[in-house]
């Protein structure tokens, strides 16, 4: 279990990842950006997300949080923030354009986007 100080550090990094995700989704639409990049990049993004979630689970499940466990959260959070930026850069390089502010998207039953 993290100390209050460590919990604050972890929460600050979670907030940074959430901010990167929110900004990407505001620009590209919710759930759209990972689908605009190739499968290999999407898989790397998903693996980074899994590493980040695993580091959080380990940190919060620990009886006593170690320096290495906290460092893992910090490292994987930074990796996740960079991953969102990399998706944005790859989508732009592939010629995709961000959504216009007056466009609404919805996921249909078959998984397609209207």
PDB file of N, CA and C in Angstrom:
ATOM      1  N   UNK A   1       0.846  -1.178   0.000  1.00  0.00           N
ATOM      2  CA  UNK A   1       0.000   0.000   0.000  1.00  0.00           C
ATOM      3  C   UNK A   1       0.892   1.243   0.000  1.00  0.00           C
ATOM      4  N   UNK A   2       0.681   2.123  -0.956  1.00  0.00           N
ATOM      5  CA  UNK A   2       1.502   3.337  -1.007  1.00  0.00           C
ATOM      6  C   UNK A   2       1.251   4.248   0.192  1.00  0.00           C
ATOM      7  N   UNK A   3       2.295   4.929   0.604  1.00  0.00           N
ATOM      8  CA  UNK A   3       2.137   5.965   1.625  1.00  0.00           C
ATOM      9  C   UNK A   3       1.320   7.103   1.003  1.00  0.00           C
ATOM     10  N   UNK A   4       0.794   8.010   1.806  1.00  0.00           N
ATOM     11  CA  UNK A   4       0.069   9.143   1.223  1.00  0.00           C
ATOM     12  C   UNK A   4       0.918   9.938   0.220  1.00  0.00           C
ATOM     13  N   UNK A   5       2.201  10.084   0.496  1.00  0.00           N
ATOM     14  CA  UNK A   5       3.090  10.817  -0.420  1.00  0.00           C
ATOM     15  C   UNK A   5       3.240  10.069  -1.744  1.00  0.00           C
ATOM     16  N   UNK A   6       3.463   8.750  -1.636  1.00  0.00           N
ATOM     17  CA  UNK A   6       3.603   7.949  -2.853  1.00  0.00           C
ATOM     18  C   UNK A   6       2.287   7.901  -3.632  1.00  0.00           C
ATOM     19  N   UNK A   7       1.177   7.820  -2.916  1.00  0.00           N
ATOM     20  CA  UNK A   7      -0.130   7.808  -3.579  1.00  0.00           C
ATOM     21  C   UNK A   7      -0.349   9.113  -4.347  1.00  0.00           C
ATOM     22  N   UNK A   8       0.100  10.228  -3.772  1.00  0.00           N
ATOM     23  CA  UNK A   8      -0.026  11.517  -4.463  1.00  0.00           C
ATOM     24  C   UNK A   8       0.831  11.536  -5.728  1.00  0.00           C
ATOM     25  N   UNK A   9       2.023  10.968  -5.638  1.00  0.00           N
ATOM     26  CA  UNK A   9       2.901  10.889  -6.812  1.00  0.00           C
ATOM     27  C   UNK A   9       2.257  10.030  -7.897  1.00  0.00           C
ATOM     28  N   UNK A  10       1.728   8.883  -7.500  1.00  0.00           N
ATOM     29  CA  UNK A  10       1.074   7.995  -8.462  1.00  0.00           C
ATOM     30  C   UNK A  10      -0.115   8.708  -9.097  1.00  0.00           C
ATOM     31  N   UNK A  11      -0.939   9.345  -8.289  1.00  0.00           N
ATOM     32  CA  UNK A  11      -2.117  10.043  -8.810  1.00  0.00           C
ATOM     33  C   UNK A  11      -1.723  11.153  -9.780  1.00  0.00           C
ATOM     34  N   UNK A  12      -0.642  11.861  -9.484  1.00  0.00           N
ATOM     35  CA  UNK A  12      -0.178  12.919 -10.388  1.00  0.00           C
ATOM     36  C   UNK A  12       0.182  12.341 -11.750  1.00  0.00           C
ATOM     37  N   UNK A  13       0.803  11.169 -11.765  1.00  0.00           N
ATOM     38  CA  UNK A  13       1.161  10.539 -13.042  1.00  0.00           C
ATOM     39  C   UNK A  13      -0.066  10.002 -13.764  1.00  0.00           C
ATOM     40  N   UNK A  14      -1.027   9.483 -13.023  1.00  0.00           N
ATOM     41  CA  UNK A  14      -2.281   9.043 -13.649  1.00  0.00           C
ATOM     42  C   UNK A  14      -2.968  10.236 -14.304  1.00  0.00           C
ATOM     43  N   UNK A  15      -2.966  11.363 -13.621  1.00  0.00           N
ATOM     44  CA  UNK A  15      -3.585  12.572 -14.174  1.00  0.00           C
ATOM     45  C   UNK A  15      -2.893  13.006 -15.460  1.00  0.00           C
ATOM     46  N   UNK A  16      -1.577  12.852 -15.529  1.00  0.00           N
ATOM     47  CA  UNK A  16      -0.855  13.193 -16.755  1.00  0.00           C
ATOM     48  C   UNK A  16      -1.254  12.296 -17.915  1.00  0.00           C
ATOM     49  N   UNK A  17      -1.400  11.004 -17.644  1.00  0.00           N
ATOM     50  CA  UNK A  17      -1.835  10.069 -18.690  1.00  0.00           C
ATOM     51  C   UNK A  17      -3.261  10.396 -19.113  1.00  0.00           C
ATOM     52  N   UNK A  18      -4.126  10.652 -18.140  1.00  0.00           N
ATOM     53  CA  UNK A  18      -5.512  11.005 -18.453  1.00  0.00           C
ATOM     54  C   UNK A  18      -5.586  12.280 -19.295  1.00  0.00           C
ATOM     55  N   UNK A  19      -4.737  13.246 -18.994  1.00  0.00           N
ATOM     56  CA  UNK A  19      -4.718  14.499 -19.756  1.00  0.00           C
ATOM     57  C   UNK A  19      -4.305  14.230 -21.196  1.00  0.00           C
ATOM     58  N   UNK A  20      -3.272  13.416 -21.392  1.00  0.00           N
ATOM     59  CA  UNK A  20      -2.823  13.084 -22.750  1.00  0.00           C
ATOM     60  C   UNK A  20      -3.931  12.375 -23.525  1.00  0.00           C
ATOM     61  N   UNK A  21      -4.619  11.442 -22.867  1.00  0.00           N
ATOM     62  CA  UNK A  21      -5.710  10.714 -23.518  1.00  0.00           C
ATOM     63  C   UNK A  21      -6.864  11.660 -23.850  1.00  0.00           C
ATOM     64  N   UNK A  22      -7.233  12.528 -22.922  1.00  0.00           N
ATOM     65  CA  UNK A  22      -8.335  13.472 -23.142  1.00  0.00           C
ATOM     66  C   UNK A  22      -8.035  14.425 -24.294  1.00  0.00           C
ATOM     67  N   UNK A  23      -6.802  14.904 -24.349  1.00  0.00           N
ATOM     68  CA  UNK A  23      -6.423  15.814 -25.433  1.00  0.00           C
ATOM     69  C   UNK A  23      -6.468  15.101 -26.780  1.00  0.00           C
ATOM     70  N   UNK A  24      -5.988  13.863 -26.815  1.00  0.00           N
ATOM     71  CA  UNK A  24      -6.025  13.093 -28.063  1.00  0.00           C
ATOM     72  C   UNK A  24      -7.472  12.843 -28.494  1.00  0.00           C
ATOM     73  N   UNK A  25      -8.315  12.501 -27.553  1.00  0.00           N
ATOM     74  CA  UNK A  25      -9.705  12.219 -27.878  1.00  0.00           C
ATOM     75  C   UNK A  25     -10.460  13.486 -28.270  1.00  0.00           C
ATOM     76  N   UNK A  26     -10.110  14.622 -27.688  1.00  0.00           N
ATOM     77  CA  UNK A  26     -10.731  15.885 -28.081  1.00  0.00           C
ATOM     78  C   UNK A  26     -10.334  16.256 -29.500  1.00  0.00           C
ATOM     79  N   UNK A  27      -9.121  15.906 -29.878  1.00  0.00           N
ATOM     80  CA  UNK A  27      -8.618  16.225 -31.218  1.00  0.00           C
ATOM     81  C   UNK A  27      -9.124  15.240 -32.260  1.00  0.00           C
ATOM     82  N   UNK A  28      -9.088  13.951 -31.940  1.00  0.00           N
ATOM     83  CA  UNK A  28      -9.340  12.892 -32.932  1.00  0.00           C
ATOM     84  C   UNK A  28     -10.685  12.214 -32.795  1.00  0.00           C
ATOM     85  N   UNK A  29     -11.347  12.371 -31.683  1.00  0.00           N
ATOM     86  CA  UNK A  29     -12.585  11.646 -31.426  1.00  0.00           C
ATOM     87  C   UNK A  29     -12.291  10.481 -30.495  1.00  0.00           C
ATOM     88  N   UNK A  30     -13.268  10.105 -29.729  1.00  0.00           N
ATOM     89  CA  UNK A  30     -13.086   9.040 -28.741  1.00  0.00           C
ATOM     90  C   UNK A  30     -12.918   7.689 -29.438  1.00  0.00           C
ATOM     91  N   UNK A  31     -11.815   7.019 -29.115  1.00  0.00           N
ATOM     92  CA  UNK A  31     -11.540   5.702 -29.660  1.00  0.00           C
ATOM     93  C   UNK A  31     -11.060   5.680 -31.097  1.00  0.00           C
ATOM     94  N   UNK A  32     -10.937   6.830 -31.732  1.00  0.00           N
ATOM     95  CA  UNK A  32     -10.594   6.884 -33.155  1.00  0.00           C
ATOM     96  C   UNK A  32      -9.096   6.804 -33.420  1.00  0.00           C
ATOM     97  N   UNK A  33      -8.292   7.482 -32.623  1.00  0.00           N
ATOM     98  CA  UNK A  33      -6.866   7.618 -32.915  1.00  0.00           C
ATOM     99  C   UNK A  33      -6.137   6.279 -33.028  1.00  0.00           C
ATOM    100  N   UNK A  34      -6.318   5.336 -32.119  1.00  0.00           N
ATOM    101  CA  UNK A  34      -5.598   4.059 -32.276  1.00  0.00           C
ATOM    102  C   UNK A  34      -5.958   3.324 -33.573  1.00  0.00           C
ATOM    103  N   UNK A  35      -7.145   3.597 -34.104  1.00  0.00           N
ATOM    104  CA  UNK A  35      -7.567   2.920 -35.325  1.00  0.00           C
ATOM    105  C   UNK A  35      -6.994   3.575 -36.583  1.00  0.00           C
ATOM    106  N   UNK A  36      -6.372   4.726 -36.438  1.00  0.00           N
ATOM    107  CA  UNK A  36      -5.817   5.438 -37.595  1.00  0.00           C
ATOM    108  C   UNK A  36      -4.374   5.059 -37.886  1.00  0.00           C
ATOM    109  N   UNK A  37      -3.768   4.301 -37.004  1.00  0.00           N
ATOM    110  CA  UNK A  37      -2.361   3.909 -37.182  1.00  0.00           C
ATOM    111  C   UNK A  37      -2.307   2.436 -37.583  1.00  0.00           C
ATOM    112  N   UNK A  38      -1.129   2.000 -38.033  1.00  0.00           N
ATOM    113  CA  UNK A  38      -1.017   0.606 -38.454  1.00  0.00           C
ATOM    114  C   UNK A  38      -1.097  -0.343 -37.261  1.00  0.00           C
ATOM    115  N   UNK A  39      -1.325  -1.600 -37.579  1.00  0.00           N
ATOM    116  CA  UNK A  39      -1.549  -2.617 -36.545  1.00  0.00           C
ATOM    117  C   UNK A  39      -0.364  -2.746 -35.595  1.00  0.00           C
ATOM    118  N   UNK A  40       0.851  -2.678 -36.112  1.00  0.00           N
ATOM    119  CA  UNK A  40       2.028  -2.803 -35.245  1.00  0.00           C
ATOM    120  C   UNK A  40       2.082  -1.673 -34.218  1.00  0.00           C
ATOM    121  N   UNK A  41       1.810  -0.449 -34.659  1.00  0.00           N
ATOM    122  CA  UNK A  41       1.845   0.678 -33.721  1.00  0.00           C
ATOM    123  C   UNK A  41       0.700   0.562 -32.726  1.00  0.00           C
ATOM    124  N   UNK A  42      -0.465   0.162 -33.204  1.00  0.00           N
ATOM    125  CA  UNK A  42      -1.601  -0.013 -32.299  1.00  0.00           C
ATOM    126  C   UNK A  42      -1.281  -1.072 -31.236  1.00  0.00           C
ATOM    127  N   UNK A  43      -0.620  -2.157 -31.649  1.00  0.00           N
ATOM    128  CA  UNK A  43      -0.244  -3.208 -30.699  1.00  0.00           C
ATOM    129  C   UNK A  43       0.766  -2.679 -29.679  1.00  0.00           C
ATOM    130  N   UNK A  44       1.744  -1.889 -30.125  1.00  0.00           N
ATOM    131  CA  UNK A  44       2.708  -1.290 -29.193  1.00  0.00           C
ATOM    132  C   UNK A  44       1.992  -0.399 -28.186  1.00  0.00           C
ATOM    133  N   UNK A  45       1.039   0.379 -28.674  1.00  0.00           N
ATOM    134  CA  UNK A  45       0.256   1.259 -27.811  1.00  0.00           C
ATOM    135  C   UNK A  45      -0.506   0.444 -26.763  1.00  0.00           C
ATOM    136  N   UNK A  46      -1.122  -0.629 -27.200  1.00  0.00           N
ATOM    137  CA  UNK A  46      -1.886  -1.475 -26.284  1.00  0.00           C
ATOM    138  C   UNK A  46      -0.979  -2.166 -25.264  1.00  0.00           C
ATOM    139  N   UNK A  47       0.213  -2.589 -25.701  1.00  0.00           N
ATOM    140  CA  UNK A  47       1.150  -3.214 -24.767  1.00  0.00           C
ATOM    141  C   UNK A  47       1.628  -2.204 -23.722  1.00  0.00           C
ATOM    142  N   UNK A  48       1.854  -0.959 -24.148  1.00  0.00           N
ATOM    143  CA  UNK A  48       2.258   0.079 -23.194  1.00  0.00           C
ATOM    144  C   UNK A  48       1.146   0.321 -22.186  1.00  0.00           C
ATOM    145  N   UNK A  49      -0.098   0.344 -22.650  1.00  0.00           N
ATOM    146  CA  UNK A  49      -1.233   0.501 -21.745  1.00  0.00           C
ATOM    147  C   UNK A  49      -1.296  -0.629 -20.730  1.00  0.00           C
ATOM    148  N   UNK A  50      -1.015  -1.846 -21.192  1.00  0.00           N
ATOM    149  CA  UNK A  50      -1.019  -3.003 -20.280  1.00  0.00           C
ATOM    150  C   UNK A  50       0.102  -2.879 -19.255  1.00  0.00           C
ATOM    151  N   UNK A  51       1.286  -2.427 -19.676  1.00  0.00           N
ATOM    152  CA  UNK A  51       2.395  -2.241 -18.728  1.00  0.00           C
ATOM    153  C   UNK A  51       2.034  -1.186 -17.676  1.00  0.00           C
ATOM    154  N   UNK A  52       1.393  -0.107 -18.129  1.00  0.00           N
ATOM    155  CA  UNK A  52       0.989   0.950 -17.201  1.00  0.00           C
ATOM    156  C   UNK A  52      -0.023   0.418 -16.190  1.00  0.00           C
ATOM    157  N   UNK A  53      -1.045  -0.268 -16.668  1.00  0.00           N
ATOM    158  CA  UNK A  53      -2.051  -0.828 -15.760  1.00  0.00           C
ATOM    159  C   UNK A  53      -1.425  -1.832 -14.791  1.00  0.00           C
ATOM    160  N   UNK A  54      -0.516  -2.671 -15.298  1.00  0.00           N
ATOM    161  CA  UNK A  54       0.154  -3.649 -14.432  1.00  0.00           C
ATOM    162  C   UNK A  54       0.967  -2.962 -13.343  1.00  0.00           C
ATOM    163  N   UNK A  55       1.655  -1.878 -13.709  1.00  0.00           N
ATOM    164  CA  UNK A  55       2.462  -1.175 -12.711  1.00  0.00           C
ATOM    165  C   UNK A  55       1.572  -0.561 -11.634  1.00  0.00           C
ATOM    166  N   UNK A  56       0.403  -0.063 -12.024  1.00  0.00           N
ATOM    167  CA  UNK A  56      -0.532   0.494 -11.042  1.00  0.00           C
ATOM    168  C   UNK A  56      -1.074  -0.597 -10.126  1.00  0.00           C
ATOM    169  N   UNK A  57      -1.457  -1.718 -10.719  1.00  0.00           N
ATOM    170  CA  UNK A  57      -1.973  -2.830  -9.908  1.00  0.00           C
ATOM    171  C   UNK A  57      -0.929  -3.305  -8.906  1.00  0.00           C
ATOM    172  N   UNK A  58       0.309  -3.430  -9.370  1.00  0.00           N
ATOM    173  CA  UNK A  58       1.391  -3.876  -8.485  1.00  0.00           C
ATOM    174  C   UNK A  58       1.606  -2.878  -7.352  1.00  0.00           C
ATOM    175  N   UNK A  59       1.597  -1.590  -7.694  1.00  0.00           N
ATOM    176  CA  UNK A  59       1.825  -0.557  -6.683  1.00  0.00           C
ATOM    177  C   UNK A  59       0.736  -0.564  -5.621  1.00  0.00           C
ATOM    178  N   UNK A  60      -0.504  -0.656  -6.039  1.00  0.00           N
ATOM    179  CA  UNK A  60      -1.591  -0.602  -5.069  1.00  0.00           C
ATOM    180  C   UNK A  60      -1.790  -1.911  -4.316  1.00  0.00           C
ATOM    181  N   UNK A  61      -1.315  -3.027  -4.869  1.00  0.00           N
ATOM    182  CA  UNK A  61      -1.444  -4.321  -4.190  1.00  0.00           C
ATOM    183  C   UNK A  61      -0.295  -4.587  -3.221  1.00  0.00           C
ATOM    184  N   UNK A  62       0.789  -3.824  -3.364  1.00  0.00           N
ATOM    185  CA  UNK A  62       1.973  -4.060  -2.528  1.00  0.00           C
ATOM    186  C   UNK A  62       1.674  -3.784  -1.059  1.00  0.00           C
ATOM    187  N   UNK A  63       2.156  -4.666  -0.225  1.00  0.00           N
ATOM    188  CA  UNK A  63       2.030  -4.448   1.218  1.00  0.00           C
ATOM    189  C   UNK A  63       2.785  -3.182   1.604  1.00  0.00           C
ATOM    190  N   UNK A  64       3.975  -3.048   1.012  1.00  0.00           N
ATOM    191  CA  UNK A  64       4.800  -1.863   1.207  1.00  0.00           C
ATOM    192  C   UNK A  64       5.427  -1.531  -0.144  1.00  0.00           C
ATOM    193  N   UNK A  65       5.086  -0.369  -0.679  1.00  0.00           N
ATOM    194  CA  UNK A  65       5.555   0.029  -2.001  1.00  0.00           C
ATOM    195  C   UNK A  65       7.069   0.211  -2.002  1.00  0.00           C
ATOM    196  N   UNK A  66       7.726  -0.417  -2.975  1.00  0.00           N
ATOM    197  CA  UNK A  66       9.173  -0.274  -3.086  1.00  0.00           C
ATOM    198  C   UNK A  66       9.516   0.877  -4.021  1.00  0.00           C
ATOM    199  N   UNK A  67      10.762   1.295  -3.944  1.00  0.00           N
ATOM    200  CA  UNK A  67      11.246   2.346  -4.847  1.00  0.00           C
ATOM    201  C   UNK A  67      11.127   1.901  -6.295  1.00  0.00           C
ATOM    202  N   UNK A  68      11.448   0.629  -6.567  1.00  0.00           N
ATOM    203  CA  UNK A  68      11.350   0.108  -7.935  1.00  0.00           C
ATOM    204  C   UNK A  68       9.913   0.093  -8.433  1.00  0.00           C
ATOM    205  N   UNK A  69       8.975  -0.236  -7.559  1.00  0.00           N
ATOM    206  CA  UNK A  69       7.568  -0.255  -7.970  1.00  0.00           C
ATOM    207  C   UNK A  69       7.074   1.151  -8.299  1.00  0.00           C
ATOM    208  N   UNK A  70       7.466   2.117  -7.490  1.00  0.00           N
ATOM    209  CA  UNK A  70       7.084   3.500  -7.767  1.00  0.00           C
ATOM    210  C   UNK A  70       7.745   3.978  -9.057  1.00  0.00           C
ATOM    211  N   UNK A  71       9.008   3.632  -9.238  1.00  0.00           N
ATOM    212  CA  UNK A  71       9.714   4.009 -10.468  1.00  0.00           C
ATOM    213  C   UNK A  71       9.047   3.391 -11.693  1.00  0.00           C
ATOM    214  N   UNK A  72       8.510   2.188 -11.565  1.00  0.00           N
ATOM    215  CA  UNK A  72       7.813   1.539 -12.669  1.00  0.00           C
ATOM    216  C   UNK A  72       6.557   2.318 -13.051  1.00  0.00           C
ATOM    217  N   UNK A  73       5.815   2.795 -12.062  1.00  0.00           N
ATOM    218  CA  UNK A  73       4.628   3.609 -12.349  1.00  0.00           C
ATOM    219  C   UNK A  73       5.036   4.876 -13.080  1.00  0.00           C
ATOM    220  N   UNK A  74       6.056   5.546 -12.581  1.00  0.00           N
ATOM    221  CA  UNK A  74       6.522   6.795 -13.191  1.00  0.00           C
ATOM    222  C   UNK A  74       6.968   6.545 -14.634  1.00  0.00           C
ATOM    223  N   UNK A  75       7.728   5.488 -14.836  1.00  0.00           N
ATOM    224  CA  UNK A  75       8.248   5.158 -16.161  1.00  0.00           C
ATOM    225  C   UNK A  75       7.140   4.781 -17.137  1.00  0.00           C
ATOM    226  N   UNK A  76       6.236   3.924 -16.705  1.00  0.00           N
ATOM    227  CA  UNK A  76       5.179   3.481 -17.623  1.00  0.00           C
ATOM    228  C   UNK A  76       4.168   4.587 -17.893  1.00  0.00           C
ATOM    229  N   UNK A  77       3.969   5.472 -16.927  1.00  0.00           N
ATOM    230  CA  UNK A  77       3.088   6.618 -17.158  1.00  0.00           C
ATOM    231  C   UNK A  77       3.693   7.532 -18.220  1.00  0.00           C
ATOM    232  N   UNK A  78       4.979   7.807 -18.101  1.00  0.00           N
ATOM    233  CA  UNK A  78       5.656   8.611 -19.120  1.00  0.00           C
ATOM    234  C   UNK A  78       5.590   7.942 -20.485  1.00  0.00           C
ATOM    235  N   UNK A  79       5.758   6.630 -20.498  1.00  0.00           N
ATOM    236  CA  UNK A  79       5.650   5.886 -21.754  1.00  0.00           C
ATOM    237  C   UNK A  79       4.267   5.997 -22.354  1.00  0.00           C
ATOM    238  N   UNK A  80       3.252   5.997 -21.519  1.00  0.00           N
ATOM    239  CA  UNK A  80       1.880   6.106 -22.008  1.00  0.00           C
ATOM    240  C   UNK A  80       1.615   7.498 -22.577  1.00  0.00           C
ATOM    241  N   UNK A  81       2.126   8.523 -21.917  1.00  0.00           N
ATOM    242  CA  UNK A  81       1.964   9.882 -22.449  1.00  0.00           C
ATOM    243  C   UNK A  81       2.656  10.004 -23.810  1.00  0.00           C
ATOM    244  N   UNK A  82       3.868   9.451 -23.910  1.00  0.00           N
ATOM    245  CA  UNK A  82       4.580   9.483 -25.195  1.00  0.00           C
ATOM    246  C   UNK A  82       3.853   8.654 -26.247  1.00  0.00           C
ATOM    247  N   UNK A  83       3.211   7.577 -25.823  1.00  0.00           N
ATOM    248  CA  UNK A  83       2.475   6.725 -26.766  1.00  0.00           C
ATOM    249  C   UNK A  83       1.320   7.486 -27.405  1.00  0.00           C
ATOM    250  N   UNK A  84       0.604   8.274 -26.621  1.00  0.00           N
ATOM    251  CA  UNK A  84      -0.477   9.080 -27.188  1.00  0.00           C
ATOM    252  C   UNK A  84       0.068  10.080 -28.215  1.00  0.00           C
ATOM    253  N   UNK A  85       1.199  10.706 -27.888  1.00  0.00           N
ATOM    254  CA  UNK A  85       1.813  11.655 -28.827  1.00  0.00           C
ATOM    255  C   UNK A  85       2.293  10.950 -30.092  1.00  0.00           C
ATOM    256  N   UNK A  86       2.826   9.749 -29.946  1.00  0.00           N
ATOM    257  CA  UNK A  86       3.291   8.980 -31.109  1.00  0.00           C
ATOM    258  C   UNK A  86       2.132   8.604 -32.012  1.00  0.00           C
ATOM    259  N   UNK A  87       1.000   8.221 -31.435  1.00  0.00           N
ATOM    260  CA  UNK A  87      -0.184   7.920 -32.254  1.00  0.00           C
ATOM    261  C   UNK A  87      -0.611   9.155 -33.040  1.00  0.00           C
ATOM    262  N   UNK A  88      -0.639  10.297 -32.372  1.00  0.00           N
ATOM    263  CA  UNK A  88      -1.022  11.552 -33.030  1.00  0.00           C
ATOM    264  C   UNK A  88      -0.087  11.841 -34.205  1.00  0.00           C
ATOM    265  N   UNK A  89       1.209  11.732 -33.967  1.00  0.00           N
ATOM    266  CA  UNK A  89       2.193  12.015 -35.017  1.00  0.00           C
ATOM    267  C   UNK A  89       2.052  11.039 -36.183  1.00  0.00           C
ATOM    268  N   UNK A  90       1.840   9.767 -35.885  1.00  0.00           N
ATOM    269  CA  UNK A  90       1.707   8.758 -36.948  1.00  0.00           C
ATOM    270  C   UNK A  90       0.439   8.977 -37.755  1.00  0.00           C
ATOM    271  N   UNK A  91      -0.645   9.322 -37.092  1.00  0.00           N
ATOM    272  CA  UNK A  91      -1.899   9.575 -37.806  1.00  0.00           C
ATOM    273  C   UNK A  91      -1.750  10.779 -38.733  1.00  0.00           C
ATOM    274  N   UNK A  92      -1.118  11.825 -38.247  1.00  0.00           N
ATOM    275  CA  UNK A  92      -0.909  13.018 -39.092  1.00  0.00           C
ATOM    276  C   UNK A  92       0.020  12.695 -40.260  1.00  0.00           C
ATOM    277  N   UNK A  93       1.079  11.916 -39.990  1.00  0.00           N
ATOM    278  CA  UNK A  93       2.019  11.552 -41.053  1.00  0.00           C
ATOM    279  C   UNK A  93       1.348  10.706 -42.122  1.00  0.00           C
ATOM    280  N   UNK A  94       0.334   9.945 -41.730  1.00  0.00           N
ATOM    281  CA  UNK A  94      -0.402   9.117 -42.691  1.00  0.00           C
ATOM    282  C   UNK A  94      -1.465   9.923 -43.439  1.00  0.00           C
ATOM    283  N   UNK A  95      -1.565  11.213 -43.128  1.00  0.00           N
ATOM    284  CA  UNK A  95      -2.497  12.082 -43.849  1.00  0.00           C
ATOM    285  C   UNK A  95      -3.872  12.203 -43.222  1.00  0.00           C
ATOM    286  N   UNK A  96      -4.074  11.638 -42.045  1.00  0.00           N
ATOM    287  CA  UNK A  96      -5.369  11.752 -41.380  1.00  0.00           C
ATOM    288  C   UNK A  96      -5.514  13.140 -40.781  1.00  0.00           C
ATOM    289  N   UNK A  97      -6.730  13.600 -40.732  1.00  0.00           N
ATOM    290  CA  UNK A  97      -7.033  14.915 -40.180  1.00  0.00           C
ATOM    291  C   UNK A  97      -7.843  14.757 -38.894  1.00  0.00           C
ATOM    292  N   UNK A  98      -7.578  15.609 -37.916  1.00  0.00           N
ATOM    293  CA  UNK A  98      -8.395  15.583 -36.699  1.00  0.00           C
ATOM    294  C   UNK A  98      -9.863  15.853 -37.035  1.00  0.00           C
ATOM    295  N   UNK A  99     -10.746  15.438 -36.148  1.00  0.00           N
ATOM    296  CA  UNK A  99     -12.161  15.687 -36.370  1.00  0.00           C
ATOM    297  C   UNK A  99     -12.458  17.171 -36.240  1.00  0.00           C
ATOM    298  N   UNK A 100     -13.452  17.605 -36.981  1.00  0.00           N
ATOM    299  CA  UNK A 100     -13.900  18.988 -36.890  1.00  0.00           C
ATOM    300  C   UNK A 100     -14.758  19.113 -35.629  1.00  0.00           C
ATOM    301  N   UNK A 101     -14.734  20.268 -34.985  1.00  0.00           N
ATOM    302  CA  UNK A 101     -15.471  20.413 -33.728  1.00  0.00           C
ATOM    303  C   UNK A 101     -16.978  20.215 -33.868  1.00  0.00           C
ATOM    304  N   UNK A 102     -17.524  20.395 -35.065  1.00  0.00           N
ATOM    305  CA  UNK A 102     -18.969  20.250 -35.219  1.00  0.00           C
ATOM    306  C   UNK A 102     -19.371  18.879 -35.763  1.00  0.00           C
ATOM    307  N   UNK A 103     -18.434  17.928 -35.749  1.00  0.00           N
ATOM    308  CA  UNK A 103     -18.736  16.572 -36.191  1.00  0.00           C
ATOM    309  C   UNK A 103     -18.966  15.701 -34.968  1.00  0.00           C
ATOM    310  N   UNK A 104     -20.023  14.921 -35.009  1.00  0.00           N
ATOM    311  CA  UNK A 104     -20.319  13.975 -33.943  1.00  0.00           C
ATOM    312  C   UNK A 104     -20.119  12.580 -34.481  1.00  0.00           C
ATOM    313  N   UNK A 105     -19.575  11.704 -33.668  1.00  0.00           N
ATOM    314  CA  UNK A 105     -19.386  10.304 -34.045  1.00  0.00           C
ATOM    315  C   UNK A 105     -20.097   9.432 -33.029  1.00  0.00           C
ATOM    316  N   UNK A 106     -20.580   8.284 -33.518  1.00  0.00           N
ATOM    317  CA  UNK A 106     -21.200   7.303 -32.625  1.00  0.00           C
ATOM    318  C   UNK A 106     -20.785   5.918 -33.084  1.00  0.00           C
ATOM    319  N   UNK A 107     -20.568   5.032 -32.126  1.00  0.00           N
ATOM    320  CA  UNK A 107     -20.237   3.652 -32.444  1.00  0.00           C
ATOM    321  C   UNK A 107     -21.541   2.893 -32.621  1.00  0.00           C
ATOM    322  N   UNK A 108     -21.689   2.246 -33.777  1.00  0.00           N
ATOM    323  CA  UNK A 108     -22.888   1.474 -34.072  1.00  0.00           C
ATOM    324  C   UNK A 108     -22.787   0.072 -33.494  1.00  0.00           C
ATOM    325  N   UNK A 109     -23.880  -0.661 -33.507  1.00  0.00           N
ATOM    326  CA  UNK A 109     -23.910  -2.017 -32.946  1.00  0.00           C
ATOM    327  C   UNK A 109     -22.848  -2.928 -33.549  1.00  0.00           C
ATOM    328  N   UNK A 110     -22.570  -2.761 -34.840  1.00  0.00           N
ATOM    329  CA  UNK A 110     -21.584  -3.633 -35.504  1.00  0.00           C
ATOM    330  C   UNK A 110     -20.152  -3.168 -35.276  1.00  0.00           C
ATOM    331  N   UNK A 111     -19.964  -2.118 -34.473  1.00  0.00           N
ATOM    332  CA  UNK A 111     -18.630  -1.626 -34.165  1.00  0.00           C
ATOM    333  C   UNK A 111     -18.148  -0.538 -35.091  1.00  0.00           C
ATOM    334  N   UNK A 112     -18.872  -0.296 -36.180  1.00  0.00           N
ATOM    335  CA  UNK A 112     -18.463   0.758 -37.097  1.00  0.00           C
ATOM    336  C   UNK A 112     -18.829   2.119 -36.499  1.00  0.00           C
ATOM    337  N   UNK A 113     -18.233   3.147 -37.047  1.00  0.00           N
ATOM    338  CA  UNK A 113     -18.456   4.507 -36.540  1.00  0.00           C
ATOM    339  C   UNK A 113     -19.271   5.280 -37.548  1.00  0.00           C
ATOM    340  N   UNK A 114     -20.335   5.914 -37.063  1.00  0.00           N
ATOM    341  CA  UNK A 114     -21.184   6.756 -37.924  1.00  0.00           C
ATOM    342  C   UNK A 114     -20.826   8.203 -37.682  1.00  0.00           C
TER     343      UNK A 114
END
